[in-house]
Each structure stands twice: as structure tokens, then as C-alpha cells.
């Protein structure tokens, strides 16, 4: 099972970016999907989650600015980030768990850099 993120980059404060994460491999079902981030010198933190049924959850720091969504037909999760702040600068990772050929999986993507300039 492979997760590949895209969409990171450099943006000015107040701008927007949309991250994507595509899941591929011998998958039966994708359960929960999530975005995490890790800033330099800090621990990785949960940003947003979405269940297979579409229920979402957000860190307080991004509520009202970020929106997580998923396209089950494309096995892809998205993170729309608006009103970006310099403190949103981090490497963003997607995570997914579910069932696959041979059992279950719980995998991470390689990360995509988001840099917000002031």
C-alpha cells in the first residue's frame, strides 16, 4: 500500500493551498484518513481526520480554516487550507488505515512541505 502526497509549496500569509494524498495498492477498504504535520523541532501533530462515512475532526488551531475531504472512487484524501498563517509551516503527512490483501494496513505518505511566508 502506497500513499503519495502532492500540493505543497510556498505561499504568502492569507493564501491557500490544497493538498492531495492518493492511496494505491491491493486495497479492499479504506477506513480512516488523516492529515498530520510536523514543524521543525516539534512533534508530529494531528491536523484533521475523516472517517469512511465522512465524519470529520480538526485540531483547534485549524478549525474554520482547513477542510478535509475524500473521494472514495479515487482513493484520495484532500486538505483545503485557507487563510494560511506562518505557524502552519510544516511538513504535512497523510495517513490511512484499512484492509488489504493479506490483512490490514496503516501507512504514511512521504510528506509534502508547506511554507507560509509572513
N, C-alpha and C. Protein backbone atom coordinates (compact mmCIF):
# COMPACT_ATOMS: atom_id res chain seq x y z
N UNK A 1 0.87 -1.18 0.00
CA UNK A 1 0.00 0.00 0.00
C UNK A 1 0.91 1.22 0.00
N UNK A 2 0.57 2.15 -0.85
CA UNK A 2 1.41 3.35 -1.00
C UNK A 2 0.55 4.59 -0.92
N UNK A 3 1.03 5.61 -0.19
CA UNK A 3 0.37 6.89 -0.09
C UNK A 3 1.30 7.95 -0.69
N UNK A 4 0.78 8.74 -1.62
CA UNK A 4 1.60 9.76 -2.28
C UNK A 4 0.90 11.11 -2.15
N UNK A 5 1.58 12.04 -1.47
CA UNK A 5 1.04 13.38 -1.28
C UNK A 5 1.52 14.32 -2.38
N UNK A 6 0.74 15.35 -2.61
CA UNK A 6 1.12 16.40 -3.54
C UNK A 6 0.40 17.68 -3.14
N UNK A 7 0.87 18.80 -3.69
CA UNK A 7 0.18 20.06 -3.48
C UNK A 7 0.86 21.04 -2.54
N UNK A 8 1.95 20.64 -1.92
CA UNK A 8 2.64 21.56 -1.03
C UNK A 8 3.34 22.66 -1.81
N UNK A 9 3.89 23.63 -1.07
CA UNK A 9 4.61 24.70 -1.72
C UNK A 9 4.78 25.90 -0.82
N UNK A 10 5.17 27.02 -1.44
CA UNK A 10 5.38 28.28 -0.73
C UNK A 10 4.22 29.22 -1.02
N UNK A 11 3.65 29.80 0.02
CA UNK A 11 2.53 30.70 -0.15
C UNK A 11 2.65 31.82 0.88
N UNK A 12 2.11 32.98 0.54
CA UNK A 12 2.12 34.09 1.49
C UNK A 12 1.02 33.92 2.52
N UNK A 13 1.21 34.53 3.65
CA UNK A 13 0.19 34.50 4.70
C UNK A 13 -1.13 35.01 4.15
N UNK A 14 -2.20 34.31 4.50
CA UNK A 14 -3.52 34.65 3.99
C UNK A 14 -3.90 33.88 2.74
N UNK A 15 -2.93 33.20 2.16
CA UNK A 15 -3.18 32.45 0.94
C UNK A 15 -3.76 31.07 1.19
N UNK A 16 -3.89 30.31 0.11
CA UNK A 16 -4.50 28.98 0.18
C UNK A 16 -3.65 27.95 -0.55
N UNK A 17 -3.76 26.72 -0.09
CA UNK A 17 -3.16 25.58 -0.77
C UNK A 17 -4.11 24.40 -0.62
N UNK A 18 -4.03 23.48 -1.57
CA UNK A 18 -4.81 22.25 -1.48
C UNK A 18 -3.88 21.06 -1.59
N UNK A 19 -3.84 20.26 -0.56
CA UNK A 19 -3.03 19.05 -0.56
C UNK A 19 -3.88 17.85 -0.99
N UNK A 20 -3.23 16.92 -1.67
CA UNK A 20 -3.88 15.68 -2.07
C UNK A 20 -3.03 14.50 -1.62
N UNK A 21 -3.67 13.38 -1.36
CA UNK A 21 -2.96 12.16 -0.98
C UNK A 21 -3.71 10.99 -1.60
N UNK A 22 -3.05 10.30 -2.52
CA UNK A 22 -3.66 9.17 -3.21
C UNK A 22 -3.14 7.86 -2.62
N UNK A 23 -4.07 6.96 -2.35
CA UNK A 23 -3.74 5.64 -1.81
C UNK A 23 -3.81 4.62 -2.93
N UNK A 24 -2.78 3.80 -3.06
CA UNK A 24 -2.78 2.79 -4.10
C UNK A 24 -2.25 1.47 -3.55
N UNK A 25 -2.53 0.38 -4.28
CA UNK A 25 -2.09 -0.93 -3.86
C UNK A 25 -3.25 -1.90 -3.82
N UNK A 26 -3.00 -3.07 -3.26
CA UNK A 26 -4.02 -4.12 -3.20
C UNK A 26 -4.93 -3.88 -2.00
N UNK A 27 -5.84 -2.93 -2.14
CA UNK A 27 -6.69 -2.47 -1.04
C UNK A 27 -8.10 -2.99 -1.20
N UNK A 28 -8.69 -3.42 -0.10
CA UNK A 28 -10.10 -3.78 -0.10
C UNK A 28 -10.95 -2.60 0.34
N UNK A 29 -10.61 -2.04 1.49
CA UNK A 29 -11.36 -0.91 2.03
C UNK A 29 -10.41 0.09 2.67
N UNK A 30 -10.74 1.37 2.50
CA UNK A 30 -10.02 2.43 3.19
C UNK A 30 -10.91 2.90 4.33
N UNK A 31 -10.42 2.85 5.53
CA UNK A 31 -11.21 3.28 6.68
C UNK A 31 -10.95 4.75 6.96
N UNK A 32 -10.23 5.06 8.01
CA UNK A 32 -9.97 6.44 8.34
C UNK A 32 -8.80 7.00 7.52
N UNK A 33 -8.89 8.30 7.23
CA UNK A 33 -7.81 9.01 6.57
C UNK A 33 -7.55 10.27 7.37
N UNK A 34 -6.31 10.71 7.37
CA UNK A 34 -5.97 11.85 8.22
C UNK A 34 -4.77 12.61 7.67
N UNK A 35 -4.68 13.84 8.09
CA UNK A 35 -3.51 14.67 7.81
C UNK A 35 -2.84 15.03 9.14
N UNK A 36 -1.54 14.92 9.16
CA UNK A 36 -0.71 15.33 10.28
C UNK A 36 0.30 16.34 9.76
N UNK A 37 0.95 17.04 10.69
CA UNK A 37 2.03 17.92 10.28
C UNK A 37 3.11 17.93 11.35
N UNK A 38 4.30 18.24 10.89
CA UNK A 38 5.43 18.33 11.81
C UNK A 38 6.29 19.53 11.44
N UNK A 39 6.34 20.47 12.36
CA UNK A 39 7.18 21.65 12.18
C UNK A 39 8.57 21.37 12.74
N UNK A 40 9.58 22.11 12.27
CA UNK A 40 10.95 21.88 12.75
C UNK A 40 11.04 21.97 14.27
N UNK A 41 11.62 20.97 14.89
CA UNK A 41 11.81 20.97 16.33
C UNK A 41 10.58 20.64 17.14
N UNK A 42 9.50 20.28 16.46
CA UNK A 42 8.26 19.97 17.16
C UNK A 42 7.81 18.54 16.84
N UNK A 43 6.92 18.03 17.69
CA UNK A 43 6.37 16.70 17.46
C UNK A 43 5.32 16.73 16.36
N UNK A 44 5.14 15.60 15.73
CA UNK A 44 4.09 15.49 14.72
C UNK A 44 2.74 15.64 15.41
N UNK A 45 1.85 16.43 14.81
CA UNK A 45 0.54 16.66 15.40
C UNK A 45 -0.57 16.37 14.39
N UNK A 46 -1.71 15.94 14.93
CA UNK A 46 -2.87 15.66 14.11
C UNK A 46 -3.52 16.97 13.67
N UNK A 47 -3.81 17.06 12.38
CA UNK A 47 -4.44 18.25 11.84
C UNK A 47 -5.93 18.02 11.58
N UNK A 48 -6.25 16.94 10.87
CA UNK A 48 -7.65 16.68 10.52
C UNK A 48 -7.83 15.20 10.22
N UNK A 49 -9.04 14.71 10.48
CA UNK A 49 -9.36 13.32 10.21
C UNK A 49 -10.69 13.23 9.47
N UNK A 50 -10.87 12.13 8.75
CA UNK A 50 -12.14 11.88 8.10
C UNK A 50 -12.35 10.37 8.07
N UNK A 51 -13.53 9.94 8.48
CA UNK A 51 -13.85 8.51 8.51
C UNK A 51 -14.39 8.07 7.15
N UNK A 52 -14.58 6.76 7.02
CA UNK A 52 -15.13 6.24 5.78
C UNK A 52 -16.54 6.76 5.53
N UNK A 53 -17.24 7.13 6.59
CA UNK A 53 -18.59 7.67 6.45
C UNK A 53 -18.63 9.17 6.25
N UNK A 54 -17.47 9.80 6.29
CA UNK A 54 -17.40 11.23 6.03
C UNK A 54 -17.39 12.12 7.25
N UNK A 55 -17.38 11.54 8.45
CA UNK A 55 -17.29 12.36 9.66
C UNK A 55 -15.89 12.95 9.77
N UNK A 56 -15.83 14.22 10.14
CA UNK A 56 -14.55 14.91 10.19
C UNK A 56 -14.23 15.44 11.58
N UNK A 57 -12.94 15.66 11.80
CA UNK A 57 -12.47 16.26 13.05
C UNK A 57 -11.26 17.12 12.75
N UNK A 58 -11.08 18.17 13.54
CA UNK A 58 -10.00 19.12 13.28
C UNK A 58 -9.30 19.52 14.57
N UNK A 59 -8.03 19.84 14.43
CA UNK A 59 -7.31 20.46 15.54
C UNK A 59 -7.87 21.86 15.73
N UNK A 60 -7.88 22.32 16.97
CA UNK A 60 -8.42 23.65 17.25
C UNK A 60 -7.71 24.73 16.44
N UNK A 61 -6.44 24.53 16.20
CA UNK A 61 -5.64 25.56 15.53
C UNK A 61 -6.01 25.75 14.06
N UNK A 62 -6.73 24.79 13.48
CA UNK A 62 -7.07 24.91 12.05
C UNK A 62 -8.58 24.97 11.80
N UNK A 63 -9.38 24.84 12.85
CA UNK A 63 -10.84 24.88 12.67
C UNK A 63 -11.27 26.18 12.02
N UNK A 64 -12.14 26.04 11.03
CA UNK A 64 -12.64 27.21 10.32
C UNK A 64 -11.75 27.66 9.17
N UNK A 65 -10.54 27.10 9.09
CA UNK A 65 -9.62 27.48 8.00
C UNK A 65 -9.31 26.31 7.07
N UNK A 66 -9.23 25.11 7.63
CA UNK A 66 -8.89 23.92 6.85
C UNK A 66 -10.13 23.05 6.68
N UNK A 67 -10.20 22.37 5.54
CA UNK A 67 -11.29 21.43 5.28
C UNK A 67 -10.72 20.14 4.72
N UNK A 68 -11.04 19.03 5.38
CA UNK A 68 -10.62 17.72 4.89
C UNK A 68 -11.79 17.08 4.14
N UNK A 69 -11.47 16.41 3.04
CA UNK A 69 -12.49 15.72 2.26
C UNK A 69 -11.85 14.49 1.63
N UNK A 70 -12.69 13.61 1.10
CA UNK A 70 -12.16 12.41 0.46
C UNK A 70 -13.01 12.05 -0.74
N UNK A 71 -12.38 11.42 -1.71
CA UNK A 71 -13.05 10.89 -2.88
C UNK A 71 -12.79 9.39 -2.86
N UNK A 72 -13.78 8.62 -2.45
CA UNK A 72 -13.58 7.18 -2.29
C UNK A 72 -13.34 6.48 -3.63
N UNK A 73 -13.92 7.00 -4.70
CA UNK A 73 -13.70 6.37 -6.01
C UNK A 73 -12.25 6.53 -6.45
N UNK A 74 -11.64 7.64 -6.05
CA UNK A 74 -10.25 7.89 -6.42
C UNK A 74 -9.28 7.48 -5.32
N UNK A 75 -9.80 6.99 -4.19
CA UNK A 75 -8.96 6.62 -3.04
C UNK A 75 -8.03 7.76 -2.66
N UNK A 76 -8.59 8.95 -2.59
CA UNK A 76 -7.80 10.16 -2.37
C UNK A 76 -8.41 11.00 -1.26
N UNK A 77 -7.55 11.56 -0.42
CA UNK A 77 -7.97 12.48 0.61
C UNK A 77 -7.35 13.84 0.30
N UNK A 78 -8.10 14.90 0.61
CA UNK A 78 -7.68 16.26 0.32
C UNK A 78 -7.65 17.08 1.60
N UNK A 79 -6.84 18.13 1.59
CA UNK A 79 -6.84 19.10 2.68
C UNK A 79 -6.81 20.48 2.04
N UNK A 80 -7.94 21.16 2.09
CA UNK A 80 -8.02 22.54 1.60
C UNK A 80 -7.63 23.46 2.75
N UNK A 81 -6.59 24.23 2.54
CA UNK A 81 -6.07 25.10 3.59
C UNK A 81 -6.23 26.55 3.15
N UNK A 82 -7.04 27.29 3.88
CA UNK A 82 -7.28 28.71 3.59
C UNK A 82 -6.77 29.56 4.74
N UNK A 83 -6.64 30.85 4.47
CA UNK A 83 -6.17 31.80 5.49
C UNK A 83 -4.92 31.28 6.19
N UNK A 84 -3.97 30.85 5.41
CA UNK A 84 -2.76 30.26 5.97
C UNK A 84 -1.95 31.26 6.78
N UNK A 85 -1.33 30.75 7.84
CA UNK A 85 -0.52 31.56 8.72
C UNK A 85 0.91 31.03 8.74
N UNK A 86 1.87 31.86 9.08
CA UNK A 86 3.26 31.36 9.16
C UNK A 86 3.40 30.14 10.08
N UNK A 87 2.60 30.08 11.12
CA UNK A 87 2.69 28.95 12.04
C UNK A 87 2.13 27.65 11.45
N UNK A 88 1.55 27.71 10.27
CA UNK A 88 1.12 26.49 9.57
C UNK A 88 2.28 25.85 8.81
N UNK A 89 3.42 26.51 8.78
CA UNK A 89 4.58 25.98 8.09
C UNK A 89 5.02 24.66 8.72
N UNK A 90 5.10 23.62 7.91
CA UNK A 90 5.43 22.29 8.40
C UNK A 90 5.51 21.32 7.22
N UNK A 91 5.99 20.13 7.49
CA UNK A 91 5.83 19.02 6.55
C UNK A 91 4.51 18.35 6.88
N UNK A 92 3.68 18.20 5.87
CA UNK A 92 2.35 17.61 6.06
C UNK A 92 2.38 16.17 5.56
N UNK A 93 1.86 15.28 6.40
CA UNK A 93 1.83 13.86 6.10
C UNK A 93 0.39 13.35 6.09
N UNK A 94 0.07 12.47 5.16
CA UNK A 94 -1.23 11.81 5.23
C UNK A 94 -1.06 10.41 5.80
N UNK A 95 -2.11 9.94 6.39
CA UNK A 95 -2.15 8.61 6.99
C UNK A 95 -3.47 7.96 6.65
N UNK A 96 -3.41 6.66 6.41
CA UNK A 96 -4.63 5.93 6.10
C UNK A 96 -4.53 4.53 6.68
N UNK A 97 -5.68 4.00 7.10
CA UNK A 97 -5.72 2.62 7.53
C UNK A 97 -6.93 1.93 6.90
N UNK A 98 -6.85 0.62 6.82
CA UNK A 98 -7.94 -0.13 6.22
C UNK A 98 -7.56 -1.58 6.04
N UNK A 99 -8.20 -2.24 5.11
CA UNK A 99 -7.93 -3.65 4.85
C UNK A 99 -7.32 -3.81 3.46
N UNK A 100 -6.45 -4.77 3.36
CA UNK A 100 -5.74 -5.03 2.11
C UNK A 100 -5.59 -6.53 1.92
N UNK A 101 -5.07 -6.92 0.78
CA UNK A 101 -4.76 -8.32 0.53
C UNK A 101 -3.78 -8.80 1.59
N UNK A 102 -4.16 -9.80 2.35
CA UNK A 102 -3.28 -10.34 3.38
C UNK A 102 -3.53 -9.81 4.75
N UNK A 103 -4.41 -8.80 4.90
CA UNK A 103 -4.69 -8.30 6.24
C UNK A 103 -5.07 -6.84 6.27
N UNK A 104 -4.49 -6.11 7.21
CA UNK A 104 -4.81 -4.69 7.35
C UNK A 104 -3.58 -3.86 7.02
N UNK A 105 -3.78 -2.55 6.94
CA UNK A 105 -2.66 -1.65 6.73
C UNK A 105 -2.88 -0.38 7.52
N UNK A 106 -1.80 0.29 7.81
CA UNK A 106 -1.80 1.60 8.47
C UNK A 106 -0.52 2.28 8.00
N UNK A 107 -0.65 3.07 6.95
CA UNK A 107 0.52 3.60 6.26
C UNK A 107 0.57 5.12 6.25
N UNK A 108 1.77 5.62 6.01
CA UNK A 108 2.04 7.06 5.92
C UNK A 108 2.58 7.41 4.54
N UNK A 109 2.29 8.64 4.14
CA UNK A 109 2.92 9.17 2.96
C UNK A 109 4.31 9.70 3.28
N UNK A 110 4.99 10.19 2.25
CA UNK A 110 6.38 10.64 2.42
C UNK A 110 6.45 12.08 2.93
N UNK A 111 5.34 12.78 2.90
CA UNK A 111 5.31 14.16 3.37
C UNK A 111 5.46 15.17 2.25
N UNK A 112 4.83 16.32 2.44
CA UNK A 112 4.95 17.42 1.49
C UNK A 112 5.14 18.71 2.28
N UNK A 113 6.08 19.52 1.85
CA UNK A 113 6.44 20.74 2.59
C UNK A 113 5.45 21.86 2.28
N UNK A 114 4.97 22.50 3.34
CA UNK A 114 4.15 23.71 3.22
C UNK A 114 4.89 24.82 3.95
N UNK A 115 5.16 25.89 3.24
CA UNK A 115 5.86 27.03 3.83
C UNK A 115 5.01 28.28 3.62
N UNK A 116 4.70 28.96 4.73
CA UNK A 116 3.88 30.16 4.68
C UNK A 116 4.75 31.34 5.10
N UNK A 117 4.93 32.28 4.21
CA UNK A 117 5.76 33.44 4.49
C UNK A 117 4.92 34.59 5.04
N UNK A 118 5.53 35.36 5.91
CA UNK A 118 4.78 36.48 6.53
C UNK A 118 4.92 37.76 5.71
